[in-house]
Amino acid sequence: MALTLISTHTASADSSIDITSGIDSTYDVYEFHFVNMHPATNSSEFSFQVNAAAASGFNETITSTYFSAYHNESGSSAALGYDGGYDQGQGTAYQDLTQNIGNDNDQSCSGMLTLYAPSSTTYVKHFVSKVQESQHSDYSIVAFAAGYINTTSAIDEISFKFDSGNIDAGTIKMFGVS
């Protein structure tokens, strides 16, 4: 497996990072690596949504599942579990990749989202993510989201944002996988 860097997007008090070019039939798999995504607003969820080719609004239909493992800084609480509050069942909202990221200077999230066969016009588009975050109440959380985008149209745009406030800082790199 080889990764080819396609583009780099750096946030600085942006409402979202919208990648509107570079997702095409060149690669069957695309990876989005995000590094130190820092919210301007405390207790924010980092999320994504896509557009089908020639569509607008970042509102494609998603079915997903979400689970996480956590441990707090004091060492007094830890768990692994499913969290249905971050799932979608044929929803059109942005898909949460994290939960309650803090906006202290030492809090952010980093991780990866993989999108499979976005140019297919036969099948739905599958995705999986793994994100490490520093939560607003001083928990270390690793979150996993997976599912599919229920369209047989090609996907050619993706948007990342926090559910509240701006992206204060952070970098997203888009790679093609071969």
Protein backbone atom coordinates (compact mmCIF):
# COMPACT_ATOMS: atom_id res chain seq x y z
CA MET A 1 0.00 0.00 0.00
CA ALA A 2 1.29 3.43 -0.92
CA LEU A 3 -0.08 6.85 0.01
CA THR A 4 0.10 9.73 -2.47
CA LEU A 5 -0.42 13.20 -1.00
CA ILE A 6 -3.04 15.03 -3.05
CA SER A 7 -3.67 18.15 -0.98
CA THR A 8 -3.08 19.85 2.37
CA HIS A 9 -5.59 22.16 4.04
CA THR A 10 -4.71 24.27 7.09
CA ALA A 11 -7.43 25.85 9.22
CA SER A 12 -7.20 29.17 10.98
CA ALA A 13 -10.55 30.23 12.46
CA ASP A 14 -12.45 28.63 9.56
CA SER A 15 -16.07 27.50 9.81
CA SER A 16 -15.22 24.36 7.80
CA ILE A 17 -12.65 22.78 5.55
CA ASP A 18 -14.32 21.88 2.26
CA ILE A 19 -12.29 19.77 -0.16
CA THR A 20 -13.93 20.31 -3.54
CA SER A 21 -11.35 18.89 -5.91
CA GLY A 22 -9.06 15.88 -6.12
CA ILE A 23 -11.59 13.14 -5.29
CA ASP A 24 -12.04 11.30 -8.57
CA SER A 25 -11.48 7.88 -10.18
CA THR A 26 -7.67 8.12 -9.88
CA TYR A 27 -7.77 6.14 -6.61
CA ASP A 28 -10.23 3.59 -5.29
CA VAL A 29 -9.47 4.55 -1.67
CA TYR A 30 -8.90 8.01 -0.15
CA GLU A 31 -7.54 8.75 3.32
CA PHE A 32 -7.97 12.02 5.18
CA HIS A 33 -5.46 12.54 7.99
CA PHE A 34 -6.30 15.33 10.38
CA VAL A 35 -3.76 16.63 12.85
CA ASN A 36 -4.43 18.72 15.97
CA MET A 37 -7.91 19.88 14.98
CA HIS A 38 -8.62 22.45 17.66
CA PRO A 39 -12.13 23.86 18.18
CA ALA A 40 -12.82 27.48 19.01
CA THR A 41 -15.82 26.37 21.09
CA ASN A 42 -15.49 24.06 24.10
CA SER A 43 -17.16 20.63 24.00
CA SER A 44 -17.47 20.38 20.20
CA GLU A 45 -17.80 17.35 17.93
CA PHE A 46 -15.60 17.06 14.83
CA SER A 47 -17.58 15.74 11.87
CA PHE A 48 -17.75 15.23 8.10
CA GLN A 49 -20.29 15.13 5.27
CA VAL A 50 -19.99 14.66 1.49
CA ASN A 51 -21.55 15.75 -1.79
CA ALA A 52 -22.41 13.53 -4.70
CA ALA A 53 -21.09 14.75 -8.06
CA ALA A 54 -22.98 17.87 -9.21
CA ALA A 55 -24.80 18.10 -5.85
CA SER A 56 -24.62 20.81 -3.22
CA GLY A 57 -25.36 21.23 0.46
CA PHE A 58 -23.22 18.46 2.01
CA ASN A 59 -26.27 16.39 2.92
CA GLU A 60 -25.92 12.86 1.54
CA THR A 61 -27.72 10.04 3.38
CA ILE A 62 -25.53 8.18 5.92
CA THR A 63 -26.02 5.05 8.01
CA SER A 64 -23.34 4.64 10.67
CA THR A 65 -22.24 3.20 13.99
CA TYR A 66 -20.00 4.69 16.68
CA PHE A 67 -18.08 3.38 19.70
CA SER A 68 -15.26 4.66 21.88
CA ALA A 69 -12.83 3.83 24.65
CA TYR A 70 -11.90 6.40 27.26
CA HIS A 71 -9.72 7.00 30.30
CA ASN A 72 -9.60 10.13 32.43
CA GLU A 73 -6.43 11.96 33.49
CA SER A 74 -6.84 11.04 37.18
CA GLY A 75 -7.00 7.33 36.33
CA SER A 76 -10.30 6.89 38.17
CA SER A 77 -12.58 6.13 35.21
CA ALA A 78 -12.24 4.06 32.06
CA ALA A 79 -14.58 2.19 29.71
CA LEU A 80 -15.17 0.83 26.22
CA GLY A 81 -18.61 1.02 24.72
CA TYR A 82 -21.08 1.62 21.94
CA ASP A 83 -22.60 5.11 21.83
CA GLY A 84 -25.78 5.25 19.77
CA GLY A 85 -26.06 9.00 20.25
CA TYR A 86 -23.43 9.49 17.53
CA ASP A 87 -24.96 7.05 15.01
CA GLN A 88 -27.10 7.89 12.02
CA GLY A 89 -29.83 5.71 10.53
CA GLN A 90 -30.41 7.08 7.04
CA GLY A 91 -29.61 10.59 8.30
CA THR A 92 -28.34 13.57 6.34
CA ALA A 93 -26.50 15.39 9.14
CA TYR A 94 -22.74 15.69 9.38
CA GLN A 95 -21.35 12.41 10.78
CA ASP A 96 -19.66 12.85 14.16
CA LEU A 97 -16.12 11.48 14.39
CA THR A 98 -15.52 12.63 17.99
CA GLN A 99 -17.34 13.74 21.12
CA ASN A 100 -16.93 16.85 23.24
CA ILE A 101 -13.43 18.02 22.31
CA GLY A 102 -12.12 20.71 24.63
CA ASN A 103 -10.83 24.08 23.48
CA ASP A 104 -8.07 24.42 26.10
CA ASN A 105 -4.66 24.96 24.52
CA ASP A 106 -3.72 21.32 25.25
CA GLN A 107 -6.92 19.83 23.74
CA SER A 108 -7.54 18.76 20.14
CA CYS A 109 -8.16 15.66 18.02
CA SER A 110 -6.07 13.80 15.47
CA GLY A 111 -7.01 10.82 13.37
CA MET A 112 -7.93 9.36 10.02
CA LEU A 113 -11.02 8.89 7.88
CA THR A 114 -10.92 6.34 5.05
CA LEU A 115 -13.41 6.63 2.17
CA TYR A 116 -13.78 3.63 -0.14
CA ALA A 117 -14.62 3.73 -3.87
CA PRO A 118 -16.03 7.27 -3.94
CA SER A 119 -16.16 7.26 -7.76
CA SER A 120 -18.26 4.10 -7.99
CA THR A 121 -21.62 4.59 -9.68
CA THR A 122 -22.73 1.05 -8.77
CA TYR A 123 -22.33 0.71 -5.00
CA VAL A 124 -22.81 2.73 -1.81
CA LYS A 125 -19.66 4.39 -0.37
CA HIS A 126 -18.21 2.86 2.80
CA PHE A 127 -16.13 4.77 5.38
CA VAL A 128 -14.29 4.08 8.62
CA SER A 129 -12.57 6.45 11.05
CA LYS A 130 -10.33 6.28 14.08
CA VAL A 131 -9.72 9.47 16.07
CA GLN A 132 -7.83 10.22 19.27
CA GLU A 133 -9.11 13.22 21.19
CA SER A 134 -8.58 15.19 24.37
CA GLN A 135 -12.06 15.78 25.75
CA HIS A 136 -13.24 18.96 27.49
CA SER A 137 -13.44 17.20 30.89
CA ASP A 138 -9.87 15.84 30.64
CA TYR A 139 -10.53 12.39 29.21
CA SER A 140 -8.43 10.70 26.56
CA ILE A 141 -10.84 9.12 24.09
CA VAL A 142 -10.28 7.00 21.01
CA ALA A 143 -13.42 7.05 18.88
CA PHE A 144 -14.40 4.80 15.98
CA ALA A 145 -17.11 5.59 13.44
CA ALA A 146 -18.00 3.50 10.40
CA GLY A 147 -20.82 3.16 7.95
CA TYR A 148 -21.89 3.93 4.44
CA ILE A 149 -23.09 6.84 2.35
CA ASN A 150 -26.28 5.59 0.74
CA THR A 151 -25.85 6.78 -2.83
CA THR A 152 -24.70 5.10 -6.01
CA SER A 153 -23.67 8.49 -7.40
CA ALA A 154 -19.98 9.33 -7.37
CA ILE A 155 -18.76 11.38 -4.39
CA ASP A 156 -16.42 14.23 -5.34
CA GLU A 157 -16.49 16.65 -2.35
CA ILE A 158 -16.05 16.34 1.41
CA SER A 159 -16.49 18.82 4.25
CA PHE A 160 -15.08 18.76 7.79
CA LYS A 161 -16.29 21.00 10.62
CA PHE A 162 -17.04 21.22 14.32
CA ASP A 163 -20.70 21.14 15.31
CA SER A 164 -20.30 24.46 17.11
CA GLY A 165 -17.97 27.36 16.35
CA ASN A 166 -14.96 27.51 14.06
CA ILE A 167 -11.98 25.28 13.49
CA ASP A 168 -9.45 27.36 15.43
CA ALA A 169 -6.45 25.45 14.04
CA GLY A 170 -5.50 22.14 12.45
CA THR A 171 -4.37 20.46 9.25
CA ILE A 172 -6.11 17.95 6.99
CA LYS A 173 -4.10 16.01 4.41
CA MET A 174 -5.86 14.09 1.63
CA PHE A 175 -4.09 11.00 0.29
CA GLY A 176 -4.86 8.59 -2.53
CA VAL A 177 -4.19 4.96 -1.62
CA SER A 178 -2.69 2.59 -4.19
